[in-house]
């Protein structure tokens, strides 16, 4: 069973984070929505409080989320996803469309931009087994997070210790967690995302795309690719200057669009 945050009552809304983060990413969005919705944010396998699983491929993680929904008896959910979680959400949508009431994608891996060029050096370090030592240093020196790949995803990091505590230390705390994390990253490639293009072209699930325009990893052209590919896309909203993790930093700009879309 995945570890998860579960707050509020109302329509079930599932928030999916990306690689190297956790359900903590969604805390500010949930704080604004918990009075009107049941907000559920799982930690992906090997992240946060969740255990490691053998198969950490993107399709396997999509199926893990489907099983998680079944365990909680959620029925249909409104899914909101970011970063690698957005890739998992697209796979979830084509593999389990009956479980979705709606889909919202924020800056995320799309088609052949999986992983994006700016993240490839991190993936290559993971493949060589050289990322874990850097994570171990980061756990001891939270101030270094500003000069890491996390620093590229945030406009600013006011509390580096909080991010290290929420994102880095839980990965390292699990027996074999660091190596599992490296295995997860090393396995990310475009093949599985390119393979679902034809299924996305017939995906009728109502879909909202909200994209920060200042992202170094996922340019706004990929938001437009989603719009032009998925017939269920109702709208593309651009958050001026928002970076990869704008759902954390700028939750107040995302939530009104979610409310309008769901309404």
C-alpha atoms as a PDB file:
ATOM      1  CA  UNK A   1       0.000   0.000   0.000  1.00  0.00           C
ATOM      2  CA  UNK A   2       1.302   3.429  -0.897  1.00  0.00           C
ATOM      3  CA  UNK A   3       1.712   6.058   1.786  1.00  0.00           C
ATOM      4  CA  UNK A   4      -0.573   9.005   1.109  1.00  0.00           C
ATOM      5  CA  UNK A   5      -2.058  12.247   2.351  1.00  0.00           C
ATOM      6  CA  UNK A   6      -5.865  12.258   2.537  1.00  0.00           C
ATOM      7  CA  UNK A   7      -7.709  15.435   3.486  1.00  0.00           C
ATOM      8  CA  UNK A   8     -11.225  16.784   3.062  1.00  0.00           C
ATOM      9  CA  UNK A   9     -14.532  15.493   1.770  1.00  0.00           C
ATOM     10  CA  UNK A  10     -16.187  15.658  -1.609  1.00  0.00           C
ATOM     11  CA  UNK A  11     -15.282  14.440  -5.103  1.00  0.00           C
ATOM     12  CA  UNK A  12     -12.107  12.338  -5.010  1.00  0.00           C
ATOM     13  CA  UNK A  13      -9.111  14.180  -6.432  1.00  0.00           C
ATOM     14  CA  UNK A  14      -5.805  12.364  -6.916  1.00  0.00           C
ATOM     15  CA  UNK A  15      -2.576  14.378  -7.019  1.00  0.00           C
ATOM     16  CA  UNK A  16       0.463  12.711  -8.593  1.00  0.00           C
ATOM     17  CA  UNK A  17       3.996  14.014  -8.030  1.00  0.00           C
ATOM     18  CA  UNK A  18       7.109  13.355 -10.104  1.00  0.00           C
ATOM     19  CA  UNK A  19      10.516  11.800  -9.644  1.00  0.00           C
ATOM     20  CA  UNK A  20      12.499  12.876  -6.600  1.00  0.00           C
ATOM     21  CA  UNK A  21       9.635  14.656  -4.836  1.00  0.00           C
ATOM     22  CA  UNK A  22       6.639  13.373  -2.832  1.00  0.00           C
ATOM     23  CA  UNK A  23       3.084  14.186  -1.849  1.00  0.00           C
ATOM     24  CA  UNK A  24       4.573  17.224  -0.060  1.00  0.00           C
ATOM     25  CA  UNK A  25       4.621  18.943  -3.469  1.00  0.00           C
ATOM     26  CA  UNK A  26       0.822  19.254  -3.331  1.00  0.00           C
ATOM     27  CA  UNK A  27       0.377  20.499   0.241  1.00  0.00           C
ATOM     28  CA  UNK A  28      -0.441  24.096  -0.734  1.00  0.00           C
ATOM     29  CA  UNK A  29      -2.939  23.066  -3.434  1.00  0.00           C
ATOM     30  CA  UNK A  30      -4.597  20.673  -0.991  1.00  0.00           C
ATOM     31  CA  UNK A  31      -4.795  23.363   1.681  1.00  0.00           C
ATOM     32  CA  UNK A  32      -6.925  25.464  -0.686  1.00  0.00           C
ATOM     33  CA  UNK A  33      -9.182  22.623  -1.852  1.00  0.00           C
ATOM     34  CA  UNK A  34      -9.722  20.391   1.183  1.00  0.00           C
ATOM     35  CA  UNK A  35     -12.872  22.220   2.262  1.00  0.00           C
ATOM     36  CA  UNK A  36     -14.601  21.258  -0.983  1.00  0.00           C
ATOM     37  CA  UNK A  37     -12.915  18.055  -2.168  1.00  0.00           C
ATOM     38  CA  UNK A  38     -11.371  14.849  -0.905  1.00  0.00           C
ATOM     39  CA  UNK A  39      -7.717  15.449  -1.762  1.00  0.00           C
ATOM     40  CA  UNK A  40      -5.534  12.343  -1.953  1.00  0.00           C
ATOM     41  CA  UNK A  41      -1.816  12.596  -2.704  1.00  0.00           C
ATOM     42  CA  UNK A  42       0.102   9.294  -2.723  1.00  0.00           C
ATOM     43  CA  UNK A  43       3.848   8.948  -2.498  1.00  0.00           C
ATOM     44  CA  UNK A  44       5.044   7.010  -5.532  1.00  0.00           C
ATOM     45  CA  UNK A  45       6.953   3.774  -4.827  1.00  0.00           C
ATOM     46  CA  UNK A  46      10.445   4.448  -3.396  1.00  0.00           C
ATOM     47  CA  UNK A  47       9.427   8.046  -2.617  1.00  0.00           C
ATOM     48  CA  UNK A  48       8.204   9.608   0.612  1.00  0.00           C
ATOM     49  CA  UNK A  49       6.752   7.005   2.948  1.00  0.00           C
ATOM     50  CA  UNK A  50       5.992   4.424   0.250  1.00  0.00           C
ATOM     51  CA  UNK A  51       7.901   1.146  -0.073  1.00  0.00           C
ATOM     52  CA  UNK A  52      10.000   0.098  -3.042  1.00  0.00           C
ATOM     53  CA  UNK A  53       8.463  -2.170  -5.683  1.00  0.00           C
ATOM     54  CA  UNK A  54      10.335  -4.386  -8.115  1.00  0.00           C
ATOM     55  CA  UNK A  55       8.951  -2.865 -11.316  1.00  0.00           C
ATOM     56  CA  UNK A  56       9.518   0.886 -11.352  1.00  0.00           C
ATOM     57  CA  UNK A  57       8.733   1.415 -15.036  1.00  0.00           C
ATOM     58  CA  UNK A  58       6.259   4.147 -15.914  1.00  0.00           C
ATOM     59  CA  UNK A  59       3.509   1.703 -17.057  1.00  0.00           C
ATOM     60  CA  UNK A  60       3.933  -0.300 -13.846  1.00  0.00           C
ATOM     61  CA  UNK A  61       3.557   2.855 -11.774  1.00  0.00           C
ATOM     62  CA  UNK A  62       0.377   3.744 -13.686  1.00  0.00           C
ATOM     63  CA  UNK A  63      -0.993   0.316 -12.806  1.00  0.00           C
ATOM     64  CA  UNK A  64       0.114   0.771  -9.185  1.00  0.00           C
ATOM     65  CA  UNK A  65      -1.942   3.963  -9.016  1.00  0.00           C
ATOM     66  CA  UNK A  66      -4.931   2.129 -10.485  1.00  0.00           C
ATOM     67  CA  UNK A  67      -4.606  -0.538  -7.799  1.00  0.00           C
ATOM     68  CA  UNK A  68      -4.277   2.192  -5.161  1.00  0.00           C
ATOM     69  CA  UNK A  69      -7.561   3.726  -6.334  1.00  0.00           C
ATOM     70  CA  UNK A  70      -9.211   0.312  -6.089  1.00  0.00           C
ATOM     71  CA  UNK A  71      -7.851  -0.256  -2.569  1.00  0.00           C
ATOM     72  CA  UNK A  72      -9.390   3.026  -1.431  1.00  0.00           C
ATOM     73  CA  UNK A  73     -12.625   2.359  -3.320  1.00  0.00           C
ATOM     74  CA  UNK A  74     -12.392   5.718  -5.052  1.00  0.00           C
ATOM     75  CA  UNK A  75     -14.354   4.983  -8.203  1.00  0.00           C
ATOM     76  CA  UNK A  76     -13.671   7.767 -10.696  1.00  0.00           C
ATOM     77  CA  UNK A  77     -11.192  10.484  -9.752  1.00  0.00           C
ATOM     78  CA  UNK A  78     -10.128  13.889 -10.974  1.00  0.00           C
ATOM     79  CA  UNK A  79      -6.374  13.402 -11.488  1.00  0.00           C
ATOM     80  CA  UNK A  80      -3.863  16.260 -11.315  1.00  0.00           C
ATOM     81  CA  UNK A  81      -0.245  15.475 -12.190  1.00  0.00           C
ATOM     82  CA  UNK A  82       3.167  17.126 -12.464  1.00  0.00           C
ATOM     83  CA  UNK A  83       6.595  16.218 -13.866  1.00  0.00           C
ATOM     84  CA  UNK A  84       7.137  12.438 -14.203  1.00  0.00           C
ATOM     85  CA  UNK A  85       3.740  12.087 -12.558  1.00  0.00           C
ATOM     86  CA  UNK A  86       2.289  13.618 -15.716  1.00  0.00           C
ATOM     87  CA  UNK A  87       3.812  10.828 -17.811  1.00  0.00           C
ATOM     88  CA  UNK A  88       2.377   8.278 -15.387  1.00  0.00           C
ATOM     89  CA  UNK A  89      -0.992  10.049 -15.591  1.00  0.00           C
ATOM     90  CA  UNK A  90      -1.027   9.842 -19.404  1.00  0.00           C
ATOM     91  CA  UNK A  91      -0.299   6.117 -19.195  1.00  0.00           C
ATOM     92  CA  UNK A  92      -2.986   5.775 -16.517  1.00  0.00           C
ATOM     93  CA  UNK A  93      -5.438   7.565 -18.798  1.00  0.00           C
ATOM     94  CA  UNK A  94      -4.945   5.218 -21.746  1.00  0.00           C
ATOM     95  CA  UNK A  95      -4.732   2.066 -19.613  1.00  0.00           C
ATOM     96  CA  UNK A  96      -7.527   2.855 -17.137  1.00  0.00           C
ATOM     97  CA  UNK A  97      -9.738   5.556 -18.693  1.00  0.00           C
ATOM     98  CA  UNK A  98     -12.794   4.279 -16.816  1.00  0.00           C
ATOM     99  CA  UNK A  99     -11.185   5.417 -13.552  1.00  0.00           C
ATOM    100  CA  UNK A 100     -10.924   9.067 -14.630  1.00  0.00           C
ATOM    101  CA  UNK A 101     -13.581  11.741 -14.346  1.00  0.00           C
ATOM    102  CA  UNK A 102     -11.078  14.332 -15.560  1.00  0.00           C
ATOM    103  CA  UNK A 103      -7.346  14.846 -16.055  1.00  0.00           C
ATOM    104  CA  UNK A 104      -5.196  17.914 -15.412  1.00  0.00           C
ATOM    105  CA  UNK A 105      -1.603  17.956 -16.615  1.00  0.00           C
ATOM    106  CA  UNK A 106       0.931  20.518 -15.457  1.00  0.00           C
ATOM    107  CA  UNK A 107       4.536  20.717 -16.696  1.00  0.00           C
ATOM    108  CA  UNK A 108       5.509  17.116 -17.368  1.00  0.00           C
ATOM    109  CA  UNK A 109       7.170  14.529 -19.587  1.00  0.00           C
ATOM    110  CA  UNK A 110       5.410  14.293 -22.956  1.00  0.00           C
ATOM    111  CA  UNK A 111       6.053  11.981 -25.899  1.00  0.00           C
ATOM    112  CA  UNK A 112       9.736  11.983 -26.928  1.00  0.00           C
ATOM    113  CA  UNK A 113      10.593  14.664 -24.341  1.00  0.00           C
ATOM    114  CA  UNK A 114      10.912  11.882 -21.747  1.00  0.00           C
ATOM    115  CA  UNK A 115      13.186  12.612 -20.001  1.00  0.00           C
ATOM    116  CA  UNK A 116      13.856  16.177 -21.174  1.00  0.00           C
ATOM    117  CA  UNK A 117      17.385  17.027 -22.349  1.00  0.00           C
ATOM    118  CA  UNK A 118      18.006  19.207 -19.298  1.00  0.00           C
ATOM    119  CA  UNK A 119      17.425  16.222 -17.005  1.00  0.00           C
ATOM    120  CA  UNK A 120      19.478  13.711 -18.980  1.00  0.00           C
ATOM    121  CA  UNK A 121      22.711  14.360 -17.029  1.00  0.00           C
ATOM    122  CA  UNK A 122      20.892  13.357 -13.827  1.00  0.00           C
ATOM    123  CA  UNK A 123      19.534  10.211 -15.485  1.00  0.00           C
ATOM    124  CA  UNK A 124      23.039   9.365 -16.718  1.00  0.00           C
ATOM    125  CA  UNK A 125      24.459   9.766 -13.213  1.00  0.00           C
ATOM    126  CA  UNK A 126      21.775   7.420 -11.928  1.00  0.00           C
ATOM    127  CA  UNK A 127      22.571   4.852 -14.611  1.00  0.00           C
ATOM    128  CA  UNK A 128      26.243   4.892 -13.556  1.00  0.00           C
ATOM    129  CA  UNK A 129      25.388   4.623  -9.843  1.00  0.00           C
ATOM    130  CA  UNK A 130      26.833   8.060  -9.185  1.00  0.00           C
ATOM    131  CA  UNK A 131      23.679   9.908  -8.121  1.00  0.00           C
ATOM    132  CA  UNK A 132      23.307   8.265  -4.712  1.00  0.00           C
ATOM    133  CA  UNK A 133      26.532   9.788  -3.305  1.00  0.00           C
ATOM    134  CA  UNK A 134      25.334  13.232  -4.377  1.00  0.00           C
ATOM    135  CA  UNK A 135      21.996  12.651  -2.631  1.00  0.00           C
ATOM    136  CA  UNK A 136      23.840  11.603   0.508  1.00  0.00           C
ATOM    137  CA  UNK A 137      25.791  14.861   0.459  1.00  0.00           C
ATOM    138  CA  UNK A 138      22.582  16.808  -0.131  1.00  0.00           C
ATOM    139  CA  UNK A 139      21.013  15.175   2.923  1.00  0.00           C
ATOM    140  CA  UNK A 140      23.846  16.588   5.018  1.00  0.00           C
ATOM    141  CA  UNK A 141      24.058  19.946   3.225  1.00  0.00           C
ATOM    142  CA  UNK A 142      20.512  21.163   2.449  1.00  0.00           C
ATOM    143  CA  UNK A 143      21.868  24.525   1.335  1.00  0.00           C
ATOM    144  CA  UNK A 144      23.275  22.817  -1.765  1.00  0.00           C
ATOM    145  CA  UNK A 145      19.779  22.083  -3.053  1.00  0.00           C
ATOM    146  CA  UNK A 146      19.664  25.530  -4.670  1.00  0.00           C
ATOM    147  CA  UNK A 147      22.508  24.539  -7.014  1.00  0.00           C
ATOM    148  CA  UNK A 148      21.072  21.093  -7.750  1.00  0.00           C
ATOM    149  CA  UNK A 149      18.471  20.054 -10.315  1.00  0.00           C
ATOM    150  CA  UNK A 150      15.823  21.032  -7.754  1.00  0.00           C
ATOM    151  CA  UNK A 151      17.067  24.604  -7.976  1.00  0.00           C
ATOM    152  CA  UNK A 152      16.290  24.607 -11.692  1.00  0.00           C
ATOM    153  CA  UNK A 153      12.699  23.532 -10.986  1.00  0.00           C
ATOM    154  CA  UNK A 154      11.898  26.248  -8.447  1.00  0.00           C
ATOM    155  CA  UNK A 155      11.822  30.004  -8.931  1.00  0.00           C
ATOM    156  CA  UNK A 156      13.247  30.279  -5.414  1.00  0.00           C
ATOM    157  CA  UNK A 157      13.890  27.955  -2.483  1.00  0.00           C
ATOM    158  CA  UNK A 158      13.223  29.741   0.799  1.00  0.00           C
ATOM    159  CA  UNK A 159      13.506  26.662   3.046  1.00  0.00           C
ATOM    160  CA  UNK A 160      16.000  24.167   1.616  1.00  0.00           C
ATOM    161  CA  UNK A 161      15.877  22.031   4.760  1.00  0.00           C
ATOM    162  CA  UNK A 162      12.155  21.414   4.362  1.00  0.00           C
ATOM    163  CA  UNK A 163      12.607  20.185   0.783  1.00  0.00           C
ATOM    164  CA  UNK A 164      15.491  17.907   1.720  1.00  0.00           C
ATOM    165  CA  UNK A 165      13.458  16.508   4.626  1.00  0.00           C
ATOM    166  CA  UNK A 166      10.419  15.924   2.394  1.00  0.00           C
ATOM    167  CA  UNK A 167      12.105  14.734  -0.791  1.00  0.00           C
ATOM    168  CA  UNK A 168      15.659  13.463  -0.279  1.00  0.00           C
ATOM    169  CA  UNK A 169      15.859  11.958   3.199  1.00  0.00           C
ATOM    170  CA  UNK A 170      12.810   9.626   2.843  1.00  0.00           C
ATOM    171  CA  UNK A 171      14.407   8.045  -0.256  1.00  0.00           C
ATOM    172  CA  UNK A 172      17.671   7.442   1.589  1.00  0.00           C
ATOM    173  CA  UNK A 173      15.938   6.189   4.752  1.00  0.00           C
ATOM    174  CA  UNK A 174      14.627   3.022   3.068  1.00  0.00           C
ATOM    175  CA  UNK A 175      16.945   0.006   2.883  1.00  0.00           C
ATOM    176  CA  UNK A 176      18.135   0.054  -0.718  1.00  0.00           C
ATOM    177  CA  UNK A 177      16.129   3.209  -1.331  1.00  0.00           C
ATOM    178  CA  UNK A 178      18.899   5.169  -2.985  1.00  0.00           C
ATOM    179  CA  UNK A 179      19.712   2.390  -5.433  1.00  0.00           C
ATOM    180  CA  UNK A 180      16.023   1.866  -6.208  1.00  0.00           C
ATOM    181  CA  UNK A 181      15.723   5.578  -6.920  1.00  0.00           C
ATOM    182  CA  UNK A 182      18.659   5.366  -9.314  1.00  0.00           C
ATOM    183  CA  UNK A 183      17.045   2.356 -10.991  1.00  0.00           C
ATOM    184  CA  UNK A 184      13.803   4.306 -11.406  1.00  0.00           C
ATOM    185  CA  UNK A 185      15.580   7.241 -13.060  1.00  0.00           C
ATOM    186  CA  UNK A 186      17.782   5.065 -15.250  1.00  0.00           C
ATOM    187  CA  UNK A 187      14.689   3.311 -16.608  1.00  0.00           C
ATOM    188  CA  UNK A 188      12.942   6.477 -17.811  1.00  0.00           C
ATOM    189  CA  UNK A 189      12.938   6.740 -21.589  1.00  0.00           C
ATOM    190  CA  UNK A 190      10.709   7.950 -24.414  1.00  0.00           C
ATOM    191  CA  UNK A 191       9.703   4.557 -25.823  1.00  0.00           C
ATOM    192  CA  UNK A 192       6.652   3.980 -23.618  1.00  0.00           C
ATOM    193  CA  UNK A 193       5.385   7.527 -24.106  1.00  0.00           C
ATOM    194  CA  UNK A 194       5.856   7.529 -27.881  1.00  0.00           C
ATOM    195  CA  UNK A 195       4.058   4.181 -28.036  1.00  0.00           C
ATOM    196  CA  UNK A 196       0.822   5.621 -26.592  1.00  0.00           C
ATOM    197  CA  UNK A 197       0.487   8.500 -29.072  1.00  0.00           C
ATOM    198  CA  UNK A 198      -2.242   6.732 -31.068  1.00  0.00           C
ATOM    199  CA  UNK A 199      -4.193   6.054 -27.865  1.00  0.00           C
ATOM    200  CA  UNK A 200      -3.896   9.680 -26.796  1.00  0.00           C
ATOM    201  CA  UNK A 201      -5.393  10.764 -30.126  1.00  0.00           C
ATOM    202  CA  UNK A 202      -8.690   9.123 -29.124  1.00  0.00           C
ATOM    203  CA  UNK A 203      -8.628   9.995 -25.413  1.00  0.00           C
ATOM    204  CA  UNK A 204     -11.944  11.656 -24.680  1.00  0.00           C
ATOM    205  CA  UNK A 205     -11.444  12.203 -20.936  1.00  0.00           C
ATOM    206  CA  UNK A 206     -11.983  15.937 -20.208  1.00  0.00           C
ATOM    207  CA  UNK A 207      -8.479  17.346 -19.862  1.00  0.00           C
ATOM    208  CA  UNK A 208      -7.015  20.640 -18.687  1.00  0.00           C
ATOM    209  CA  UNK A 209      -3.399  21.620 -19.377  1.00  0.00           C
ATOM    210  CA  UNK A 210      -1.817  24.241 -17.092  1.00  0.00           C
ATOM    211  CA  UNK A 211       1.777  25.087 -17.966  1.00  0.00           C
ATOM    212  CA  UNK A 212       4.420  27.332 -16.456  1.00  0.00           C
ATOM    213  CA  UNK A 213       6.205  29.194 -19.247  1.00  0.00           C
ATOM    214  CA  UNK A 214       9.544  29.573 -17.449  1.00  0.00           C
ATOM    215  CA  UNK A 215      10.319  25.871 -17.158  1.00  0.00           C
ATOM    216  CA  UNK A 216      13.859  24.870 -18.183  1.00  0.00           C
ATOM    217  CA  UNK A 217      12.797  21.247 -18.724  1.00  0.00           C
ATOM    218  CA  UNK A 218       9.321  21.230 -20.239  1.00  0.00           C
ATOM    219  CA  UNK A 219       8.754  24.026 -22.731  1.00  0.00           C
ATOM    220  CA  UNK A 220       5.275  25.301 -23.493  1.00  0.00           C
ATOM    221  CA  UNK A 221       5.436  23.657 -26.933  1.00  0.00           C
ATOM    222  CA  UNK A 222       4.707  20.383 -25.163  1.00  0.00           C
ATOM    223  CA  UNK A 223       1.527  21.817 -23.681  1.00  0.00           C
ATOM    224  CA  UNK A 224       0.465  22.643 -27.221  1.00  0.00           C
ATOM    225  CA  UNK A 225       1.427  19.143 -28.364  1.00  0.00           C
ATOM    226  CA  UNK A 226      -0.979  17.762 -25.764  1.00  0.00           C
ATOM    227  CA  UNK A 227      -3.696  20.158 -26.960  1.00  0.00           C
ATOM    228  CA  UNK A 228      -3.221  19.119 -30.564  1.00  0.00           C
ATOM    229  CA  UNK A 229      -3.065  15.398 -29.773  1.00  0.00           C
ATOM    230  CA  UNK A 230      -5.661  14.714 -27.065  1.00  0.00           C
ATOM    231  CA  UNK A 231      -9.212  15.476 -28.226  1.00  0.00           C
ATOM    232  CA  UNK A 232     -10.368  15.752 -24.621  1.00  0.00           C
ATOM    233  CA  UNK A 233      -8.219  18.830 -23.960  1.00  0.00           C
ATOM    234  CA  UNK A 234     -10.571  21.726 -23.212  1.00  0.00           C
ATOM    235  CA  UNK A 235      -7.993  24.447 -22.626  1.00  0.00           C
ATOM    236  CA  UNK A 236      -4.307  25.254 -22.260  1.00  0.00           C
ATOM    237  CA  UNK A 237      -3.588  27.795 -19.515  1.00  0.00           C
ATOM    238  CA  UNK A 238      -0.143  29.403 -19.363  1.00  0.00           C
ATOM    239  CA  UNK A 239       1.301  30.515 -16.024  1.00  0.00           C
ATOM    240  CA  UNK A 240       3.679  33.318 -16.929  1.00  0.00           C
ATOM    241  CA  UNK A 241       7.196  32.580 -15.693  1.00  0.00           C
ATOM    242  CA  UNK A 242       6.170  29.496 -13.731  1.00  0.00           C
ATOM    243  CA  UNK A 243       8.804  26.790 -13.450  1.00  0.00           C
ATOM    244  CA  UNK A 244       8.476  23.025 -13.128  1.00  0.00           C
ATOM    245  CA  UNK A 245       7.324  23.101  -9.517  1.00  0.00           C
ATOM    246  CA  UNK A 246       4.906  26.015  -9.832  1.00  0.00           C
ATOM    247  CA  UNK A 247       2.085  23.877  -8.309  1.00  0.00           C
ATOM    248  CA  UNK A 248       4.073  24.080  -5.068  1.00  0.00           C
ATOM    249  CA  UNK A 249       5.212  27.710  -5.278  1.00  0.00           C
ATOM    250  CA  UNK A 250       2.195  29.207  -7.027  1.00  0.00           C
ATOM    251  CA  UNK A 251      -0.704  27.045  -5.893  1.00  0.00           C
ATOM    252  CA  UNK A 252      -2.930  30.097  -5.714  1.00  0.00           C
ATOM    253  CA  UNK A 253      -2.618  30.507  -9.489  1.00  0.00           C
ATOM    254  CA  UNK A 254      -3.393  26.857 -10.247  1.00  0.00           C
ATOM    255  CA  UNK A 255      -6.400  26.341  -7.974  1.00  0.00           C
ATOM    256  CA  UNK A 256      -8.796  28.817  -9.659  1.00  0.00           C
ATOM    257  CA  UNK A 257      -8.262  27.067 -12.996  1.00  0.00           C
ATOM    258  CA  UNK A 258      -8.934  23.682 -11.382  1.00  0.00           C
ATOM    259  CA  UNK A 259     -12.158  24.961  -9.821  1.00  0.00           C
ATOM    260  CA  UNK A 260     -13.339  26.452 -13.111  1.00  0.00           C
ATOM    261  CA  UNK A 261     -12.483  23.293 -15.029  1.00  0.00           C
ATOM    262  CA  UNK A 262     -14.185  20.973 -12.549  1.00  0.00           C
ATOM    263  CA  UNK A 263     -17.177  23.273 -12.386  1.00  0.00           C
END
